[in-house]
Amino acid sequence: MRIVIAGSSGYLGRPLMQALEGHDLVRLVRRRPDEENEIRWDPYREALDPQILDGADAVVNLCGASIGGQRWNAAYKQRLRTTRVVPTTVLAKAVAEAGVPALINGSAMGWYGDRADLEVDETFPAAADFLGKLCLAWEQAAAPAAEAGARVAYLRTGHVLGPGSVLLARLAPAWKLMLGGRFGNGRQYMSWISLRDWTAAAVQVIEGDAAGPVNMVAPNAVRNKDFAKALGTALHRPAPWPIPGWAVKIVAGEAAVEMLRGANIKPRKLEAIGYDFHDKTITEALRYALH
């Protein structure tokens, strides 16, 4: 397959590129191209020439600033939206004009918001909070490709646990100092997936025929208190301290919602296409990520 990838230098893009070795890969980059398979583009300045996508079997879009990159002020919230919606809009229009058969687009578990103990799957509507509206706009931006008849899949990704994980890089130092523990009451669900499972599942979606939203999470979400305990076990440290919600908000601001709320998300679409998870428990995922 000839696969064009935007966002290939990110945490998910790099291992995906490696997993897709053997395919004809083209990278869209915003810097000066250094390799033969790189093409420069700037979605914030101009449309993408559809001729660049001639002969492509699929376009993969993983663009977007990090949700946890910094505290959410008005400017950063606008950046979160712009870096997702604008590249998706540009790529979707180019996919439509070039007649590319498939667009595999990023999305996130923020779609679901706080669902307490309710099990949710791909059929649930978007939440009405900031992240829910962000994910809705992100997915709607791919409409031109879908309207042109392309297969469009939205990868609604949960917390990704793997070597170099941003989440673990931020939490592990506190746990190593024996300052770790649950966030708030610890009952909120945390939907996660190991990096190697995310990568393998994404390859299966790209090479297969799955369309629409795809929950990129492991089958067994855990409550925050159980994640805290599992992380402590993996690091050989206790995690006894309850971290009050107000303290998390002081450190992370509005971005604290990522750890203080959650949803028990089920990967129904991945199960339907027969994906076999490598890391089915949080213990397995943390062992892989940390060791």
C-alpha atoms as a PDB file:
ATOM      1  CA  MET A   1       0.000   0.000   0.000  1.00  0.00           C
ATOM      2  CA  ARG A   2       1.021   3.599  -0.599  1.00  0.00           C
ATOM      3  CA  ILE A   3       0.326   5.402   2.697  1.00  0.00           C
ATOM      4  CA  VAL A   4       0.695   9.141   3.265  1.00  0.00           C
ATOM      5  CA  ILE A   5       1.204  10.078   6.940  1.00  0.00           C
ATOM      6  CA  ALA A   6       0.896  13.454   8.653  1.00  0.00           C
ATOM      7  CA  GLY A   7       2.154  13.660  12.237  1.00  0.00           C
ATOM      8  CA  SER A   8       4.677  10.875  11.739  1.00  0.00           C
ATOM      9  CA  SER A   9       7.234  12.392  14.128  1.00  0.00           C
ATOM     10  CA  GLY A  10       5.004  12.248  17.213  1.00  0.00           C
ATOM     11  CA  TYR A  11       4.813   9.702  19.999  1.00  0.00           C
ATOM     12  CA  LEU A  12       2.328   7.575  18.048  1.00  0.00           C
ATOM     13  CA  GLY A  13       3.611   8.390  14.586  1.00  0.00           C
ATOM     14  CA  ARG A  14       7.150   7.104  15.052  1.00  0.00           C
ATOM     15  CA  PRO A  15       6.273   3.524  16.072  1.00  0.00           C
ATOM     16  CA  LEU A  16       3.479   3.443  13.500  1.00  0.00           C
ATOM     17  CA  MET A  17       5.993   4.250  10.768  1.00  0.00           C
ATOM     18  CA  GLN A  18       8.154   1.359  11.949  1.00  0.00           C
ATOM     19  CA  ALA A  19       5.193  -1.015  12.073  1.00  0.00           C
ATOM     20  CA  LEU A  20       4.253  -0.072   8.503  1.00  0.00           C
ATOM     21  CA  GLU A  21       7.680  -0.898   7.078  1.00  0.00           C
ATOM     22  CA  GLY A  22       7.224  -2.764   3.840  1.00  0.00           C
ATOM     23  CA  HIS A  23       4.570  -0.333   2.629  1.00  0.00           C
ATOM     24  CA  ASP A  24       5.349   2.642   0.406  1.00  0.00           C
ATOM     25  CA  LEU A  25       5.346   5.420   3.016  1.00  0.00           C
ATOM     26  CA  VAL A  26       5.219   9.160   2.333  1.00  0.00           C
ATOM     27  CA  ARG A  27       5.663  11.622   5.191  1.00  0.00           C
ATOM     28  CA  LEU A  28       4.103  15.091   5.190  1.00  0.00           C
ATOM     29  CA  VAL A  29       6.455  17.359   7.174  1.00  0.00           C
ATOM     30  CA  ARG A  30       6.418  21.060   8.020  1.00  0.00           C
ATOM     31  CA  ARG A  31      10.215  21.431   8.019  1.00  0.00           C
ATOM     32  CA  ARG A  32      12.546  21.198   5.056  1.00  0.00           C
ATOM     33  CA  PRO A  33      12.442  17.614   3.736  1.00  0.00           C
ATOM     34  CA  ASP A  34      15.544  15.559   4.538  1.00  0.00           C
ATOM     35  CA  GLU A  35      14.537  12.209   3.033  1.00  0.00           C
ATOM     36  CA  GLU A  36      13.258  11.103  -0.352  1.00  0.00           C
ATOM     37  CA  ASN A  37       9.913  10.049   1.103  1.00  0.00           C
ATOM     38  CA  GLU A  38       9.237  13.441   2.736  1.00  0.00           C
ATOM     39  CA  ILE A  39       7.061  16.199   1.275  1.00  0.00           C
ATOM     40  CA  ARG A  40       6.737  19.629   2.823  1.00  0.00           C
ATOM     41  CA  TRP A  41       3.297  21.029   3.606  1.00  0.00           C
ATOM     42  CA  ASP A  42       1.834  23.838   5.686  1.00  0.00           C
ATOM     43  CA  PRO A  43      -1.865  23.288   6.377  1.00  0.00           C
ATOM     44  CA  TYR A  44      -2.097  26.642   8.163  1.00  0.00           C
ATOM     45  CA  ARG A  45      -1.105  28.592   5.057  1.00  0.00           C
ATOM     46  CA  GLU A  46      -2.381  26.736   2.029  1.00  0.00           C
ATOM     47  CA  ALA A  47      -4.306  23.764   0.728  1.00  0.00           C
ATOM     48  CA  LEU A  48      -2.532  20.500  -0.017  1.00  0.00           C
ATOM     49  CA  ASP A  49      -2.017  19.836  -3.718  1.00  0.00           C
ATOM     50  CA  PRO A  50      -4.191  16.756  -4.424  1.00  0.00           C
ATOM     51  CA  GLN A  51      -1.530  15.522  -6.855  1.00  0.00           C
ATOM     52  CA  ILE A  52       0.645  14.749  -3.838  1.00  0.00           C
ATOM     53  CA  LEU A  53      -1.890  12.051  -2.948  1.00  0.00           C
ATOM     54  CA  ASP A  54      -2.024  10.491  -6.431  1.00  0.00           C
ATOM     55  CA  GLY A  55      -1.802   6.722  -6.120  1.00  0.00           C
ATOM     56  CA  ALA A  56      -2.227   6.755  -2.333  1.00  0.00           C
ATOM     57  CA  ASP A  57      -4.261   3.931  -0.832  1.00  0.00           C
ATOM     58  CA  ALA A  58      -4.665   5.643   2.543  1.00  0.00           C
ATOM     59  CA  VAL A  59      -3.903   8.891   4.336  1.00  0.00           C
ATOM     60  CA  VAL A  60      -3.170   8.795   8.083  1.00  0.00           C
ATOM     61  CA  ASN A  61      -3.514  11.990  10.111  1.00  0.00           C
ATOM     62  CA  LEU A  62      -2.059  12.114  13.635  1.00  0.00           C
ATOM     63  CA  CYS A  63      -1.600  15.886  13.903  1.00  0.00           C
ATOM     64  CA  GLY A  64      -2.448  17.723  17.112  1.00  0.00           C
ATOM     65  CA  ALA A  65      -0.792  19.515  20.035  1.00  0.00           C
ATOM     66  CA  SER A  66      -0.501  17.497  23.257  1.00  0.00           C
ATOM     67  CA  ILE A  67      -3.583  17.623  25.481  1.00  0.00           C
ATOM     68  CA  GLY A  68      -1.310  17.634  28.519  1.00  0.00           C
ATOM     69  CA  GLY A  69       1.302  19.883  26.977  1.00  0.00           C
ATOM     70  CA  GLN A  70       0.648  22.740  29.406  1.00  0.00           C
ATOM     71  CA  ARG A  71      -2.054  24.403  31.494  1.00  0.00           C
ATOM     72  CA  TRP A  72      -5.179  25.200  29.526  1.00  0.00           C
ATOM     73  CA  ASN A  73      -5.524  28.915  29.113  1.00  0.00           C
ATOM     74  CA  ALA A  74      -7.641  30.383  26.314  1.00  0.00           C
ATOM     75  CA  ALA A  75      -4.698  30.505  23.905  1.00  0.00           C
ATOM     76  CA  TYR A  76      -3.680  26.886  24.467  1.00  0.00           C
ATOM     77  CA  LYS A  77      -7.252  25.647  24.154  1.00  0.00           C
ATOM     78  CA  GLN A  78      -7.432  27.411  20.811  1.00  0.00           C
ATOM     79  CA  ARG A  79      -4.146  25.761  19.830  1.00  0.00           C
ATOM     80  CA  LEU A  80      -5.534  22.335  20.750  1.00  0.00           C
ATOM     81  CA  ARG A  81      -8.464  22.961  18.435  1.00  0.00           C
ATOM     82  CA  THR A  82      -6.537  24.584  15.581  1.00  0.00           C
ATOM     83  CA  THR A  83      -3.815  21.918  15.402  1.00  0.00           C
ATOM     84  CA  ARG A  84      -6.487  19.235  15.050  1.00  0.00           C
ATOM     85  CA  VAL A  85      -9.244  20.786  12.984  1.00  0.00           C
ATOM     86  CA  VAL A  86      -7.149  22.679  10.427  1.00  0.00           C
ATOM     87  CA  PRO A  87      -4.860  19.793   9.286  1.00  0.00           C
ATOM     88  CA  THR A  88      -7.849  17.425   9.223  1.00  0.00           C
ATOM     89  CA  THR A  89      -9.862  19.832   7.063  1.00  0.00           C
ATOM     90  CA  VAL A  90      -6.985  20.319   4.626  1.00  0.00           C
ATOM     91  CA  LEU A  91      -6.277  16.598   4.344  1.00  0.00           C
ATOM     92  CA  ALA A  92      -9.947  15.633   4.029  1.00  0.00           C
ATOM     93  CA  LYS A  93     -10.437  18.044   1.133  1.00  0.00           C
ATOM     94  CA  ALA A  94      -7.306  16.746  -0.595  1.00  0.00           C
ATOM     95  CA  VAL A  95      -8.407  13.138  -0.052  1.00  0.00           C
ATOM     96  CA  ALA A  96     -11.770  13.978  -1.607  1.00  0.00           C
ATOM     97  CA  GLU A  97     -10.228  15.707  -4.627  1.00  0.00           C
ATOM     98  CA  ALA A  98      -7.628  13.002  -5.208  1.00  0.00           C
ATOM     99  CA  GLY A  99     -10.080  10.128  -4.721  1.00  0.00           C
ATOM    100  CA  VAL A 100      -8.006   8.439  -2.007  1.00  0.00           C
ATOM    101  CA  PRO A 101      -9.900   5.367  -0.756  1.00  0.00           C
ATOM    102  CA  ALA A 102      -9.252   5.833   2.981  1.00  0.00           C
ATOM    103  CA  LEU A 103      -8.562   8.476   5.623  1.00  0.00           C
ATOM    104  CA  ILE A 104      -7.489   7.245   9.061  1.00  0.00           C
ATOM    105  CA  ASN A 105      -7.818  10.219  11.379  1.00  0.00           C
ATOM    106  CA  GLY A 106      -6.848  10.839  14.971  1.00  0.00           C
ATOM    107  CA  SER A 107      -9.416  11.409  17.708  1.00  0.00           C
ATOM    108  CA  ALA A 108      -9.500  10.825  21.464  1.00  0.00           C
ATOM    109  CA  MET A 109     -11.372   9.339  24.376  1.00  0.00           C
ATOM    110  CA  GLY A 110     -12.227  12.900  25.409  1.00  0.00           C
ATOM    111  CA  TRP A 111     -15.232  12.377  23.126  1.00  0.00           C
ATOM    112  CA  TYR A 112     -17.015  10.559  25.972  1.00  0.00           C
ATOM    113  CA  GLY A 113     -16.461  12.958  28.865  1.00  0.00           C
ATOM    114  CA  ASP A 114     -17.248  11.803  32.398  1.00  0.00           C
ATOM    115  CA  ARG A 115     -19.562   8.777  32.275  1.00  0.00           C
ATOM    116  CA  ALA A 116     -19.056   7.590  35.873  1.00  0.00           C
ATOM    117  CA  ASP A 117     -19.593   3.797  36.006  1.00  0.00           C
ATOM    118  CA  LEU A 118     -21.419   3.533  32.682  1.00  0.00           C
ATOM    119  CA  GLU A 119     -19.848   1.331  29.993  1.00  0.00           C
ATOM    120  CA  VAL A 120     -19.607   3.238  26.730  1.00  0.00           C
ATOM    121  CA  ASP A 121     -18.774   2.215  23.175  1.00  0.00           C
ATOM    122  CA  GLU A 122     -18.492   3.848  19.767  1.00  0.00           C
ATOM    123  CA  THR A 123     -22.246   4.477  19.550  1.00  0.00           C
ATOM    124  CA  PHE A 124     -22.325   7.060  22.372  1.00  0.00           C
ATOM    125  CA  PRO A 125     -22.663  10.776  21.510  1.00  0.00           C
ATOM    126  CA  ALA A 126     -19.992  13.354  22.250  1.00  0.00           C
ATOM    127  CA  ALA A 127     -19.888  15.000  25.676  1.00  0.00           C
ATOM    128  CA  ALA A 128     -20.864  18.650  25.961  1.00  0.00           C
ATOM    129  CA  ASP A 129     -17.652  19.769  27.688  1.00  0.00           C
ATOM    130  CA  PHE A 130     -14.521  21.238  26.097  1.00  0.00           C
ATOM    131  CA  LEU A 131     -12.890  17.927  25.141  1.00  0.00           C
ATOM    132  CA  GLY A 132     -16.145  16.465  23.863  1.00  0.00           C
ATOM    133  CA  LYS A 133     -16.734  19.479  21.631  1.00  0.00           C
ATOM    134  CA  LEU A 134     -13.093  19.418  20.529  1.00  0.00           C
ATOM    135  CA  CYS A 135     -13.309  15.778  19.453  1.00  0.00           C
ATOM    136  CA  LEU A 136     -16.622  16.416  17.703  1.00  0.00           C
ATOM    137  CA  ALA A 137     -15.157  19.290  15.679  1.00  0.00           C
ATOM    138  CA  TRP A 138     -12.057  17.166  14.966  1.00  0.00           C
ATOM    139  CA  GLU A 139     -14.079  14.291  13.547  1.00  0.00           C
ATOM    140  CA  GLN A 140     -16.510  16.551  11.680  1.00  0.00           C
ATOM    141  CA  ALA A 141     -13.560  18.172   9.915  1.00  0.00           C
ATOM    142  CA  ALA A 142     -13.063  14.881   8.029  1.00  0.00           C
ATOM    143  CA  ALA A 143     -16.524  15.168   6.457  1.00  0.00           C
ATOM    144  CA  PRO A 144     -15.317  16.124   2.933  1.00  0.00           C
ATOM    145  CA  ALA A 145     -13.474  12.788   2.637  1.00  0.00           C
ATOM    146  CA  ALA A 146     -16.463  10.783   3.845  1.00  0.00           C
ATOM    147  CA  GLU A 147     -18.836  12.688   1.553  1.00  0.00           C
ATOM    148  CA  ALA A 148     -16.561  11.851  -1.385  1.00  0.00           C
ATOM    149  CA  GLY A 149     -16.903   8.138  -0.596  1.00  0.00           C
ATOM    150  CA  ALA A 150     -13.647   7.526   1.250  1.00  0.00           C
ATOM    151  CA  ARG A 151     -13.521   5.084   4.147  1.00  0.00           C
ATOM    152  CA  VAL A 152     -12.949   7.311   7.180  1.00  0.00           C
ATOM    153  CA  ALA A 153     -11.935   5.868  10.550  1.00  0.00           C
ATOM    154  CA  TYR A 154     -11.527   7.951  13.710  1.00  0.00           C
ATOM    155  CA  LEU A 155      -9.000   6.590  16.221  1.00  0.00           C
ATOM    156  CA  ARG A 156     -10.467   7.545  19.622  1.00  0.00           C
ATOM    157  CA  THR A 157      -7.330   6.989  21.660  1.00  0.00           C
ATOM    158  CA  GLY A 158      -7.132   6.505  25.432  1.00  0.00           C
ATOM    159  CA  HIS A 159      -4.100   6.955  27.702  1.00  0.00           C
ATOM    160  CA  VAL A 160      -1.191   5.343  25.826  1.00  0.00           C
ATOM    161  CA  LEU A 161       1.277   3.479  28.051  1.00  0.00           C
ATOM    162  CA  GLY A 162       4.661   2.683  26.596  1.00  0.00           C
ATOM    163  CA  PRO A 163       8.346   3.555  26.795  1.00  0.00           C
ATOM    164  CA  GLY A 164       8.611   7.338  26.822  1.00  0.00           C
ATOM    165  CA  SER A 165       4.944   7.809  27.763  1.00  0.00           C
ATOM    166  CA  VAL A 166       4.269  11.439  28.701  1.00  0.00           C
ATOM    167  CA  LEU A 167       1.810  10.363  31.381  1.00  0.00           C
ATOM    168  CA  LEU A 168       4.254   7.978  33.060  1.00  0.00           C
ATOM    169  CA  ALA A 169       7.123  10.449  32.741  1.00  0.00           C
ATOM    170  CA  ARG A 170       5.095  12.902  34.798  1.00  0.00           C
ATOM    171  CA  LEU A 171       3.811  10.462  37.395  1.00  0.00           C
ATOM    172  CA  ALA A 172       6.765   8.130  37.948  1.00  0.00           C
ATOM    173  CA  PRO A 173       9.030  10.643  39.782  1.00  0.00           C
ATOM    174  CA  ALA A 174       6.383  11.223  42.470  1.00  0.00           C
ATOM    175  CA  TRP A 175       5.803   7.482  42.853  1.00  0.00           C
ATOM    176  CA  LYS A 176       9.545   6.860  43.144  1.00  0.00           C
ATOM    177  CA  LEU A 177       9.640   9.377  46.012  1.00  0.00           C
ATOM    178  CA  MET A 178       6.761   7.452  47.605  1.00  0.00           C
ATOM    179  CA  LEU A 179       4.424  10.393  47.066  1.00  0.00           C
ATOM    180  CA  GLY A 180       2.090   8.616  44.659  1.00  0.00           C
ATOM    181  CA  GLY A 181      -1.530   7.769  45.142  1.00  0.00           C
ATOM    182  CA  ARG A 182      -5.037   7.987  43.787  1.00  0.00           C
ATOM    183  CA  PHE A 183      -6.419  11.222  42.340  1.00  0.00           C
ATOM    184  CA  GLY A 184      -9.508  12.512  44.103  1.00  0.00           C
ATOM    185  CA  ASN A 185     -11.698   9.645  45.299  1.00  0.00           C
ATOM    186  CA  GLY A 186      -9.939   7.273  42.887  1.00  0.00           C
ATOM    187  CA  ARG A 187     -13.184   5.785  41.588  1.00  0.00           C
ATOM    188  CA  GLN A 188     -13.003   7.420  38.157  1.00  0.00           C
ATOM    189  CA  TYR A 189     -12.223   5.059  35.306  1.00  0.00           C
ATOM    190  CA  MET A 190      -9.031   5.279  33.297  1.00  0.00           C
ATOM    191  CA  SER A 191      -9.201   3.860  29.786  1.00  0.00           C
ATOM    192  CA  TRP A 192      -5.740   2.924  28.563  1.00  0.00           C
ATOM    193  CA  ILE A 193      -3.882   1.013  25.860  1.00  0.00           C
ATOM    194  CA  SER A 194      -0.264  -0.073  25.555  1.00  0.00           C
ATOM    195  CA  LEU A 195       1.779   1.586  22.834  1.00  0.00           C
ATOM    196  CA  ARG A 196       2.455  -1.706  21.061  1.00  0.00           C
ATOM    197  CA  ASP A 197      -1.252  -2.549  21.055  1.00  0.00           C
ATOM    198  CA  TRP A 198      -2.160   0.908  19.760  1.00  0.00           C
ATOM    199  CA  THR A 199       0.365   0.538  16.953  1.00  0.00           C
ATOM    200  CA  ALA A 200      -0.681  -2.979  15.959  1.00  0.00           C
ATOM    201  CA  ALA A 201      -4.372  -2.081  16.117  1.00  0.00           C
ATOM    202  CA  ALA A 202      -3.810   1.036  13.994  1.00  0.00           C
ATOM    203  CA  VAL A 203      -2.051  -1.070  11.365  1.00  0.00           C
ATOM    204  CA  GLN A 204      -5.009  -3.458  11.319  1.00  0.00           C
ATOM    205  CA  VAL A 205      -7.406  -0.545  10.824  1.00  0.00           C
ATOM    206  CA  ILE A 206      -5.273   0.954   8.050  1.00  0.00           C
ATOM    207  CA  GLU A 207      -4.893  -2.329   6.191  1.00  0.00           C
ATOM    208  CA  GLY A 208      -8.473  -3.483   6.810  1.00  0.00           C
ATOM    209  CA  ASP A 209     -11.903  -2.041   6.173  1.00  0.00           C
ATOM    210  CA  ALA A 210     -12.982  -0.618   9.562  1.00  0.00           C
ATOM    211  CA  ALA A 211     -14.785   2.710   9.291  1.00  0.00           C
ATOM    212  CA  GLY A 212     -16.275   5.240  11.672  1.00  0.00           C
ATOM    213  CA  PRO A 213     -15.140   5.652  15.281  1.00  0.00           C
ATOM    214  CA  VAL A 214     -12.724   3.054  16.642  1.00  0.00           C
ATOM    215  CA  ASN A 215     -12.035   3.065  20.376  1.00  0.00           C
ATOM    216  CA  MET A 216      -8.281   2.606  20.733  1.00  0.00           C
ATOM    217  CA  VAL A 217      -8.359   1.297  24.300  1.00  0.00           C
ATOM    218  CA  ALA A 218      -7.702  -2.016  26.009  1.00  0.00           C
ATOM    219  CA  PRO A 219     -10.743  -4.110  27.016  1.00  0.00           C
ATOM    220  CA  ASN A 220     -10.197  -3.612  30.754  1.00  0.00           C
ATOM    221  CA  ALA A 221     -10.366  -0.024  31.943  1.00  0.00           C
ATOM    222  CA  VAL A 222      -9.248   0.440  35.550  1.00  0.00           C
ATOM    223  CA  ARG A 223     -10.256   2.778  38.308  1.00  0.00           C
ATOM    224  CA  ASN A 224      -7.723   5.453  39.137  1.00  0.00           C
ATOM    225  CA  LYS A 225      -7.026   3.961  42.580  1.00  0.00           C
ATOM    226  CA  ASP A 226      -6.160   0.614  40.964  1.00  0.00           C
ATOM    227  CA  PHE A 227      -3.920   2.301  38.407  1.00  0.00           C
ATOM    228  CA  ALA A 228      -2.105   4.118  41.226  1.00  0.00           C
ATOM    229  CA  LYS A 229      -1.554   0.828  43.066  1.00  0.00           C
ATOM    230  CA  ALA A 230      -0.387  -0.966  39.893  1.00  0.00           C
ATOM    231  CA  LEU A 231       2.070   1.822  39.098  1.00  0.00           C
ATOM    232  CA  GLY A 232       3.423   1.623  42.636  1.00  0.00           C
ATOM    233  CA  THR A 233       3.875  -2.130  42.297  1.00  0.00           C
ATOM    234  CA  ALA A 234       5.660  -1.720  38.957  1.00  0.00           C
ATOM    235  CA  LEU A 235       8.037   0.818  40.516  1.00  0.00           C
ATOM    236  CA  HIS A 236       8.399  -1.136  43.791  1.00  0.00           C
ATOM    237  CA  ARG A 237       6.964   1.757  45.756  1.00  0.00           C
ATOM    238  CA  PRO A 238       3.810   2.114  47.856  1.00  0.00           C
ATOM    239  CA  ALA A 239       1.160   4.534  46.625  1.00  0.00           C
ATOM    240  CA  PRO A 240      -0.762   5.339  49.787  1.00  0.00           C
ATOM    241  CA  TRP A 241      -1.489   9.028  49.407  1.00  0.00           C
ATOM    242  CA  PRO A 242      -4.861  10.368  48.283  1.00  0.00           C
ATOM    243  CA  ILE A 243      -4.174  13.429  46.122  1.00  0.00           C
ATOM    244  CA  PRO A 244      -7.109  15.834  46.499  1.00  0.00           C
ATOM    245  CA  GLY A 245      -8.769  17.100  43.355  1.00  0.00           C
ATOM    246  CA  TRP A 246      -8.033  20.705  44.300  1.00  0.00           C
ATOM    247  CA  ALA A 247      -4.318  19.926  44.497  1.00  0.00           C
ATOM    248  CA  VAL A 248      -4.327  18.342  41.034  1.00  0.00           C
ATOM    249  CA  LYS A 249      -6.125  21.404  39.659  1.00  0.00           C
ATOM    250  CA  ILE A 250      -3.530  23.750  41.177  1.00  0.00           C
ATOM    251  CA  VAL A 251      -0.788  21.883  39.325  1.00  0.00           C
ATOM    252  CA  ALA A 252      -2.575  21.132  36.053  1.00  0.00           C
ATOM    253  CA  GLY A 253      -5.408  23.660  35.919  1.00  0.00           C
ATOM    254  CA  GLU A 254      -8.370  22.733  33.739  1.00  0.00           C
ATOM    255  CA  ALA A 255      -6.297  19.927  32.174  1.00  0.00           C
ATOM    256  CA  ALA A 256      -6.757  18.056  35.451  1.00  0.00           C
ATOM    257  CA  VAL A 257     -10.045  16.711  34.083  1.00  0.00           C
ATOM    258  CA  GLU A 258      -7.972  14.078  32.287  1.00  0.00           C
ATOM    259  CA  MET A 259      -7.147  12.458  35.639  1.00  0.00           C
ATOM    260  CA  LEU A 260     -10.134  13.457  37.768  1.00  0.00           C
ATOM    261  CA  ARG A 261     -12.837  12.042  35.543  1.00  0.00           C
ATOM    262  CA  GLY A 262     -13.149   9.158  33.143  1.00  0.00           C
ATOM    263  CA  ALA A 263     -15.237   6.647  31.287  1.00  0.00           C
ATOM    264  CA  ASN A 264     -15.284   2.862  31.119  1.00  0.00           C
ATOM    265  CA  ILE A 265     -14.693   2.705  27.372  1.00  0.00           C
ATOM    266  CA  LYS A 266     -15.012  -0.573  25.482  1.00  0.00           C
ATOM    267  CA  PRO A 267     -13.177  -1.328  22.201  1.00  0.00           C
ATOM    268  CA  ARG A 268     -16.192  -2.868  20.444  1.00  0.00           C
ATOM    269  CA  LYS A 269     -14.951  -2.065  16.938  1.00  0.00           C
ATOM    270  CA  LEU A 270     -11.495  -3.572  17.530  1.00  0.00           C
ATOM    271  CA  GLU A 271     -13.125  -6.677  19.006  1.00  0.00           C
ATOM    272  CA  ALA A 272     -15.450  -6.885  15.992  1.00  0.00           C
ATOM    273  CA  ILE A 273     -12.533  -6.894  13.542  1.00  0.00           C
ATOM    274  CA  GLY A 274     -10.786  -9.569  15.597  1.00  0.00           C
ATOM    275  CA  TYR A 275      -7.912  -7.593  17.074  1.00  0.00           C
ATOM    276  CA  ASP A 276      -6.053  -9.699  19.667  1.00  0.00           C
ATOM    277  CA  PHE A 277      -4.634  -7.519  22.457  1.00  0.00           C
ATOM    278  CA  HIS A 278      -1.103  -8.201  23.622  1.00  0.00           C
ATOM    279  CA  ASP A 279      -1.490  -6.323  26.930  1.00  0.00           C
ATOM    280  CA  LYS A 280      -4.880  -7.112  28.441  1.00  0.00           C
ATOM    281  CA  THR A 281      -4.204  -5.910  32.010  1.00  0.00           C
ATOM    282  CA  ILE A 282      -2.779  -2.705  33.417  1.00  0.00           C
ATOM    283  CA  THR A 283      -0.021  -4.743  35.080  1.00  0.00           C
ATOM    284  CA  GLU A 284       1.135  -6.112  31.723  1.00  0.00           C
ATOM    285  CA  ALA A 285       1.016  -2.678  30.123  1.00  0.00           C
ATOM    286  CA  LEU A 286       3.034  -1.014  32.907  1.00  0.00           C
ATOM    287  CA  ARG A 287       5.591  -3.832  32.922  1.00  0.00           C
ATOM    288  CA  TYR A 288       6.091  -3.280  29.185  1.00  0.00           C
ATOM    289  CA  ALA A 289       6.163   0.506  29.491  1.00  0.00           C
ATOM    290  CA  LEU A 290       8.594   0.734  32.394  1.00  0.00           C
ATOM    291  CA  HIS A 291      10.894  -2.219  31.875  1.00  0.00           C
END
